[in-house]
Amino acid sequence: MSLLSDPITNYKAKKNQTLGVDTYFLSLAHSNTSGYNVCPMANKTNENNPNKSNCSLVCVAKNGNGSYPSVISGRINKTKRFFEDRDNFLSELVVEIAKAIMKSNGKGLTPTFRLNAYSDIKWENITVSKFGNNTIFELFPEIQFYDYTKLPNRITPFNYALTYSHWGNWGTTEQAIEQGQNVAMVFNVKKADRLPKMFKGRVVVDGDKTDLRTPQNDGLRAIVGLRAKMSIANINKELDKTTSFVVRA
């Protein structure tokens, strides 16, 4: 089983091709659905920690192909391999990245990678023993990697762009804004033209237009506006919570 998804098989990744960019996703099973928790800031099943997000209940990993049993099983198997056979998993990942780079270059497209499609792993702390105990970012210094994260205060290499994902804790979100980090927010709107133009003194960019979360695409100190992918009833239900990941536009 391939670890990385082809850029044309993922709806969000496919959008990036309009920018001349191929994006390969590593799609692990979200939260603790595999038995291993890959989302430290997400409440696990039957957990109700107010200092964590309830995002696993409405995770986009369940949308589209993510609802198919074969896809769910594949993601779970990959996640178990990451935890139980990590050395071989990482070695295979490095080889797949190298092959993907050659494939995209052959098409005249820029290769990029999102290793946390539905997870929030600190890849900057993970080294590959079979490749000199280097991180993936050190092995591919000229390649752009990017991800969303709910983990604050991460220190990452120059080729790993992180967009902080607001999950309802305004303290950490305000901190990310003050630190100059791009911040993604889900607004209670269904259409792109209803997104605010400015929020918290920052320009709002349409994060649903493409998936490429890099400063080159979104700009610096931006609010990445996302539309709520749920029914109006569920949006209102979410807004009624004390800590809500949905923001009123």
Protein backbone atom coordinates (compact mmCIF):
# COMPACT_ATOMS: atom_id res chain seq x y z
CA MET A 1 0.00 0.00 0.00
CA SER A 2 1.33 3.43 -0.93
CA LEU A 3 1.77 5.81 2.00
CA LEU A 4 1.21 8.99 -0.03
CA SER A 5 -1.92 9.75 -2.01
CA ASP A 6 -1.66 10.88 -5.61
CA PRO A 7 -2.43 14.61 -6.04
CA ILE A 8 -5.41 13.93 -8.29
CA THR A 9 -7.16 11.51 -5.90
CA ASN A 10 -7.73 14.04 -3.11
CA TYR A 11 -10.27 16.79 -3.76
CA LYS A 12 -8.35 19.42 -1.79
CA ALA A 13 -4.93 18.46 -3.16
CA LYS A 14 -6.25 18.54 -6.73
CA LYS A 15 -7.14 22.24 -6.31
CA ASN A 16 -3.44 23.05 -5.95
CA GLN A 17 -2.75 21.98 -9.52
CA THR A 18 -4.37 25.24 -10.66
CA LEU A 19 -1.28 26.87 -9.11
CA GLY A 20 1.12 24.55 -10.92
CA VAL A 21 1.61 22.57 -7.72
CA ASP A 22 1.32 18.86 -6.98
CA THR A 23 0.52 18.06 -3.34
CA TYR A 24 0.93 14.59 -1.91
CA PHE A 25 -0.98 13.80 1.31
CA LEU A 26 -0.06 11.34 4.03
CA SER A 27 -3.50 10.41 5.36
CA LEU A 28 -3.39 8.74 8.76
CA ALA A 29 -6.49 7.77 10.73
CA HIS A 30 -7.62 10.87 12.63
CA SER A 31 -7.68 11.24 16.41
CA ASN A 32 -7.57 7.81 18.12
CA THR A 33 -9.63 5.88 15.57
CA SER A 34 -6.66 3.54 15.00
CA GLY A 35 -6.06 2.95 18.69
CA TYR A 36 -3.22 5.48 18.58
CA ASN A 37 -3.89 9.18 19.08
CA VAL A 38 -2.36 11.27 16.30
CA CYS A 39 -4.17 14.48 17.32
CA PRO A 40 -2.93 15.53 20.80
CA MET A 41 -5.27 18.53 20.98
CA ALA A 42 -8.41 16.58 20.01
CA ASN A 43 -10.73 14.96 22.50
CA LYS A 44 -10.61 11.22 22.06
CA THR A 45 -13.70 9.02 22.04
CA ASN A 46 -15.74 9.64 25.22
CA GLU A 47 -13.28 12.29 26.37
CA ASN A 48 -14.60 15.75 27.25
CA ASN A 49 -11.53 17.76 28.18
CA PRO A 50 -12.38 21.50 27.99
CA ASN A 51 -8.74 22.21 27.13
CA LYS A 52 -9.02 20.16 23.95
CA SER A 53 -10.99 20.47 20.74
CA ASN A 54 -14.05 18.43 19.79
CA CYS A 55 -12.94 18.53 16.16
CA SER A 56 -12.71 14.74 15.85
CA LEU A 57 -16.52 14.58 15.90
CA VAL A 58 -16.73 16.62 12.69
CA CYS A 59 -13.32 15.87 11.18
CA VAL A 60 -13.15 16.29 7.40
CA ALA A 61 -11.38 12.91 7.31
CA LYS A 62 -14.88 11.40 7.32
CA ASN A 63 -15.97 13.26 4.20
CA GLY A 64 -15.95 11.99 0.63
CA ASN A 65 -13.83 8.87 0.15
CA GLY A 66 -13.15 8.93 3.89
CA SER A 67 -16.51 7.29 4.47
CA TYR A 68 -15.58 4.13 2.54
CA PRO A 69 -14.62 1.11 4.71
CA SER A 70 -11.61 0.33 2.51
CA VAL A 71 -10.24 3.88 2.90
CA ILE A 72 -10.83 3.87 6.66
CA SER A 73 -9.10 0.48 6.94
CA GLY A 74 -6.16 1.67 4.85
CA ARG A 75 -5.64 4.77 7.02
CA ILE A 76 -5.83 2.69 10.19
CA ASN A 77 -3.26 0.22 8.85
CA LYS A 78 -0.88 3.03 7.93
CA THR A 79 -1.25 4.60 11.35
CA LYS A 80 -0.54 1.33 13.12
CA ARG A 81 2.57 0.87 10.99
CA PHE A 82 3.75 4.36 11.91
CA PHE A 83 3.64 3.44 15.60
CA GLU A 84 4.53 -0.25 15.45
CA ASP A 85 7.03 -0.43 12.56
CA ARG A 86 8.31 3.12 12.45
CA ASP A 87 11.79 2.59 11.01
CA ASN A 88 10.48 0.79 7.94
CA PHE A 89 7.51 3.14 7.65
CA LEU A 90 9.76 6.20 7.57
CA SER A 91 12.20 4.61 5.13
CA GLU A 92 9.35 3.85 2.75
CA LEU A 93 8.03 7.38 3.18
CA VAL A 94 11.40 8.87 2.20
CA VAL A 95 11.54 6.69 -0.92
CA GLU A 96 7.98 7.64 -1.89
CA ILE A 97 8.74 11.35 -1.43
CA ALA A 98 11.80 11.04 -3.68
CA LYS A 99 9.77 9.25 -6.37
CA ALA A 100 6.95 11.81 -6.09
CA ILE A 101 9.41 14.66 -6.59
CA MET A 102 10.72 13.09 -9.79
CA LYS A 103 7.19 12.43 -11.02
CA SER A 104 6.03 16.02 -10.48
CA ASN A 105 9.20 17.49 -11.93
CA GLY A 106 8.64 15.34 -15.00
CA LYS A 107 5.21 16.94 -15.42
CA GLY A 108 6.57 20.43 -14.94
CA LEU A 109 4.75 20.84 -11.61
CA THR A 110 6.18 21.85 -8.22
CA PRO A 111 6.00 19.01 -5.68
CA THR A 112 4.75 19.80 -2.17
CA PHE A 113 3.80 17.54 0.71
CA ARG A 114 1.30 17.57 3.56
CA LEU A 115 2.26 14.90 6.08
CA ASN A 116 -0.59 15.68 8.49
CA ALA A 117 -3.63 15.42 6.26
CA TYR A 118 -5.80 14.36 9.23
CA SER A 119 -3.23 14.20 12.03
CA ASP A 120 -1.14 16.63 14.08
CA ILE A 121 2.22 14.92 14.51
CA LYS A 122 5.35 16.96 15.24
CA TRP A 123 7.31 15.82 12.21
CA GLU A 124 10.09 18.27 13.00
CA ASN A 125 11.00 16.01 15.95
CA ILE A 126 10.99 12.73 14.03
CA THR A 127 14.24 11.45 12.53
CA VAL A 128 14.77 8.68 10.00
CA SER A 129 17.32 6.23 11.37
CA LYS A 130 18.07 4.59 8.01
CA PHE A 131 18.90 7.97 6.47
CA GLY A 132 21.44 9.31 8.96
CA ASN A 133 18.94 10.23 11.71
CA ASN A 134 17.89 13.27 9.70
CA THR A 135 14.39 14.67 9.63
CA ILE A 136 12.44 14.51 6.39
CA PHE A 137 12.84 18.28 6.07
CA GLU A 138 16.62 17.92 6.27
CA LEU A 139 16.59 15.15 3.67
CA PHE A 140 14.60 17.32 1.25
CA PRO A 141 15.69 20.91 2.04
CA GLU A 142 14.53 22.33 -1.31
CA ILE A 143 11.01 20.90 -1.05
CA GLN A 144 8.05 22.71 0.52
CA PHE A 145 6.07 20.93 3.22
CA TYR A 146 3.03 22.42 4.95
CA ASP A 147 0.33 21.54 7.48
CA TYR A 148 -2.35 22.85 9.79
CA THR A 149 -1.73 22.47 13.53
CA LYS A 150 -3.55 23.01 16.81
CA LEU A 151 -0.29 22.69 18.77
CA PRO A 152 1.04 26.12 19.79
CA ASN A 153 4.63 27.36 19.86
CA ARG A 154 6.11 24.87 17.43
CA ILE A 155 9.58 25.62 16.07
CA THR A 156 9.87 24.32 12.54
CA PRO A 157 12.46 24.37 9.74
CA PHE A 158 12.24 26.92 6.94
CA ASN A 159 10.70 24.47 4.46
CA TYR A 160 7.84 23.43 6.75
CA ALA A 161 5.01 26.00 6.79
CA LEU A 162 2.47 25.68 9.60
CA THR A 163 -0.90 27.42 9.79
CA TYR A 164 -2.33 27.51 13.29
CA SER A 165 -5.86 26.13 13.38
CA HIS A 166 -8.27 27.94 15.70
CA TRP A 167 -10.27 25.40 17.71
CA GLY A 168 -12.02 27.65 20.22
CA ASN A 169 -9.28 28.61 22.66
CA TRP A 170 -8.87 32.32 21.98
CA GLY A 171 -5.84 32.54 24.28
CA THR A 172 -3.66 30.38 22.07
CA THR A 173 -5.18 31.85 18.90
CA GLU A 174 -4.39 35.41 20.01
CA GLN A 175 -0.88 34.25 20.87
CA ALA A 176 -0.43 32.78 17.39
CA ILE A 177 -1.68 36.06 15.87
CA GLU A 178 0.73 38.10 18.02
CA GLN A 179 3.59 35.84 16.97
CA GLY A 180 2.84 36.58 13.32
CA GLN A 181 1.62 33.10 12.44
CA ASN A 182 -1.04 32.57 9.80
CA VAL A 183 -4.25 31.38 11.48
CA ALA A 184 -7.05 29.31 9.96
CA MET A 185 -10.60 29.90 11.14
CA VAL A 186 -13.88 28.22 10.23
CA PHE A 187 -16.54 30.92 9.83
CA ASN A 188 -20.29 30.38 10.07
CA VAL A 189 -20.83 30.99 6.36
CA LYS A 190 -21.65 28.67 3.46
CA LYS A 191 -20.42 30.82 0.55
CA ALA A 192 -16.98 32.31 -0.10
CA ASP A 193 -18.36 35.81 -0.69
CA ARG A 194 -19.74 35.84 2.85
CA LEU A 195 -16.30 35.53 4.41
CA PRO A 196 -15.21 38.73 6.19
CA LYS A 197 -12.62 40.84 4.40
CA MET A 198 -10.79 41.59 7.65
CA PHE A 199 -10.76 39.90 11.05
CA LYS A 200 -8.72 40.76 14.15
CA GLY A 201 -6.99 43.46 12.10
CA ARG A 202 -5.81 40.95 9.52
CA VAL A 203 -6.70 40.33 5.89
CA VAL A 204 -8.86 37.22 5.40
CA VAL A 205 -7.92 34.99 2.47
CA ASP A 206 -10.20 32.29 1.06
CA GLY A 207 -8.71 29.05 2.34
CA ASP A 208 -11.15 26.91 0.35
CA LYS A 209 -9.91 28.17 -3.02
CA THR A 210 -6.84 25.94 -2.77
CA ASP A 211 -5.25 23.82 -0.04
CA LEU A 212 -1.76 25.32 -0.36
CA ARG A 213 -1.09 26.81 3.08
CA THR A 214 2.19 28.58 2.51
CA PRO A 215 3.20 32.23 3.00
CA GLN A 216 3.86 32.40 -0.75
CA ASN A 217 0.21 31.55 -1.43
CA ASP A 218 -1.65 33.06 1.54
CA GLY A 219 0.68 35.94 2.37
CA LEU A 220 2.09 36.74 5.80
CA ARG A 221 0.06 37.38 8.96
CA ALA A 222 -3.14 36.22 7.25
CA ILE A 223 -6.40 34.81 8.54
CA VAL A 224 -7.21 31.79 6.40
CA GLY A 225 -11.00 31.80 6.16
CA LEU A 226 -12.75 28.46 5.78
CA ARG A 227 -16.45 27.84 5.29
CA ALA A 228 -18.25 25.57 7.78
CA LYS A 229 -18.74 22.18 6.12
CA MET A 230 -21.88 21.22 8.03
CA SER A 231 -25.58 21.94 8.15
CA ILE A 232 -26.91 25.28 9.40
CA ALA A 233 -28.43 23.46 12.38
CA ASN A 234 -25.06 21.97 13.34
CA ILE A 235 -23.33 25.30 12.83
CA ASN A 236 -25.74 26.97 15.26
CA LYS A 237 -25.34 24.07 17.68
CA GLU A 238 -21.57 24.49 17.56
CA LEU A 239 -21.82 28.27 18.07
CA ASP A 240 -23.86 27.71 21.24
CA LYS A 241 -20.94 25.90 22.87
CA THR A 242 -18.72 27.71 25.35
CA THR A 243 -15.68 26.70 23.31
CA SER A 244 -16.50 26.57 19.61
CA PHE A 245 -14.19 26.10 16.64
CA VAL A 246 -16.72 27.97 14.46
CA VAL A 247 -16.33 31.76 14.43
CA ARG A 248 -19.10 34.28 13.77
CA ALA A 249 -18.24 36.16 10.59
